[in-house]
Structures are given as structure tokens and as C-alpha cells.
Amino acid sequence: MAKKSEAELPETTNGFSFGNFIQGIKEELEKVVWPSRKQIVSESAAVLLMVALSASLIYLVDGFFGWAAKQVF
């Protein structure tokens, strides 16, 4: 495998460069595949439904164990 010449290697610096940081952010955001509005709405609805169902189940189980504890004690 041939080595890259020094001209092809990226220049490295030991310090932090804010300009390079912002440029890197822009490059990475261009790679992001953003969801459509329809997909966001449907997935948000699914999350809210699951949270509501989970909260309801926890409420019912807690109520049952509270009732059972009152019966025992």
C-alpha cells in the first residue's frame, strides 16, 4: 500500500480552532437525514401513547399493591 505524500495529509494543529469546529458541525449536519413532518407526528403520537399506557399500568399495579397491603396489614 503506497503512503500518502505529505501534501495529501491534512494539516494538524495542537490547539483548538473555533472556525474548524463550526465548519465540522456544518459538514456533519449536511450528512443528517432529517425525518418528514408526517414521520415526526406519527412517531411522537406513538411515544405519547406508550407513555400514557405505561403510566396507566403503573398506576393500576400501584393501586393493587396498595390495596393488598391494606388487606394484609
Protein backbone atom coordinates (compact mmCIF):
# COMPACT_ATOMS: atom_id res chain seq x y z
CA MET A 1 0.00 0.00 0.00
CA ALA A 2 1.50 3.29 -1.02
CA LYS A 3 1.99 6.00 1.57
CA LYS A 4 0.27 9.30 1.11
CA SER A 5 2.58 12.16 0.33
CA GLU A 6 2.86 14.96 2.84
CA ALA A 7 0.85 17.23 0.54
CA GLU A 8 -2.18 14.94 0.81
CA LEU A 9 -2.16 14.68 4.60
CA PRO A 10 -4.40 17.13 6.44
CA GLU A 11 -2.65 19.78 8.44
CA THR A 12 -2.88 19.05 12.15
CA THR A 13 -2.73 21.61 14.90
CA ASN A 14 -2.35 21.10 18.60
CA GLY A 15 -4.78 23.89 19.54
CA PHE A 16 -8.50 24.38 19.28
CA SER A 17 -9.81 26.33 16.32
CA PHE A 18 -13.34 27.67 16.62
CA GLY A 19 -13.58 28.14 12.84
CA ASN A 20 -12.68 24.50 12.19
CA PHE A 21 -15.16 23.44 14.85
CA ILE A 22 -18.03 25.35 13.18
CA GLN A 23 -17.00 24.02 9.76
CA GLY A 24 -17.03 20.47 11.15
CA ILE A 25 -20.51 21.00 12.57
CA LYS A 26 -21.81 22.22 9.21
CA GLU A 27 -20.28 19.24 7.41
CA GLU A 28 -21.85 16.77 9.85
CA LEU A 29 -25.29 18.43 9.68
CA GLU A 30 -25.24 18.09 5.89
CA LYS A 31 -24.96 14.30 6.37
CA VAL A 32 -28.05 14.11 8.60
CA VAL A 33 -31.18 12.58 7.08
CA TRP A 34 -34.00 14.64 8.56
CA PRO A 35 -37.40 12.97 9.05
CA SER A 36 -40.51 14.26 7.34
CA ARG A 37 -43.26 16.09 9.24
CA LYS A 38 -45.57 13.07 8.82
CA GLN A 39 -42.95 10.75 10.33
CA ILE A 40 -42.33 13.11 13.26
CA VAL A 41 -46.06 13.37 14.02
CA SER A 42 -46.68 9.62 13.83
CA GLU A 43 -43.65 8.71 15.95
CA SER A 44 -44.46 11.41 18.51
CA ALA A 45 -48.02 10.07 18.77
CA ALA A 46 -46.66 6.56 19.26
CA VAL A 47 -44.36 7.76 22.05
CA LEU A 48 -47.16 9.66 23.80
CA LEU A 49 -49.46 6.64 23.55
CA MET A 50 -46.84 4.32 25.03
CA VAL A 51 -46.12 6.77 27.87
CA ALA A 52 -49.83 7.01 28.66
CA LEU A 53 -50.23 3.23 28.60
CA SER A 54 -47.16 2.71 30.78
CA ALA A 55 -48.31 5.34 33.29
CA SER A 56 -51.76 3.73 33.44
CA LEU A 57 -50.31 0.28 34.01
CA ILE A 58 -48.01 1.55 36.77
CA TYR A 59 -50.95 3.37 38.38
CA LEU A 60 -53.08 0.22 38.34
CA VAL A 61 -50.31 -2.03 39.69
CA ASP A 62 -49.52 0.51 42.43
CA GLY A 63 -53.18 0.72 43.35
CA PHE A 64 -53.43 -3.08 43.51
CA PHE A 65 -50.38 -3.42 45.75
CA GLY A 66 -51.66 -0.57 47.95
CA TRP A 67 -55.00 -2.34 48.32
CA ALA A 68 -53.25 -5.69 49.01
CA ALA A 69 -51.04 -4.07 51.66
CA LYS A 70 -54.11 -2.62 53.42
CA GLN A 71 -55.73 -6.06 53.44
CA VAL A 72 -52.63 -7.70 54.94
CA PHE A 73 -51.76 -5.00 57.46
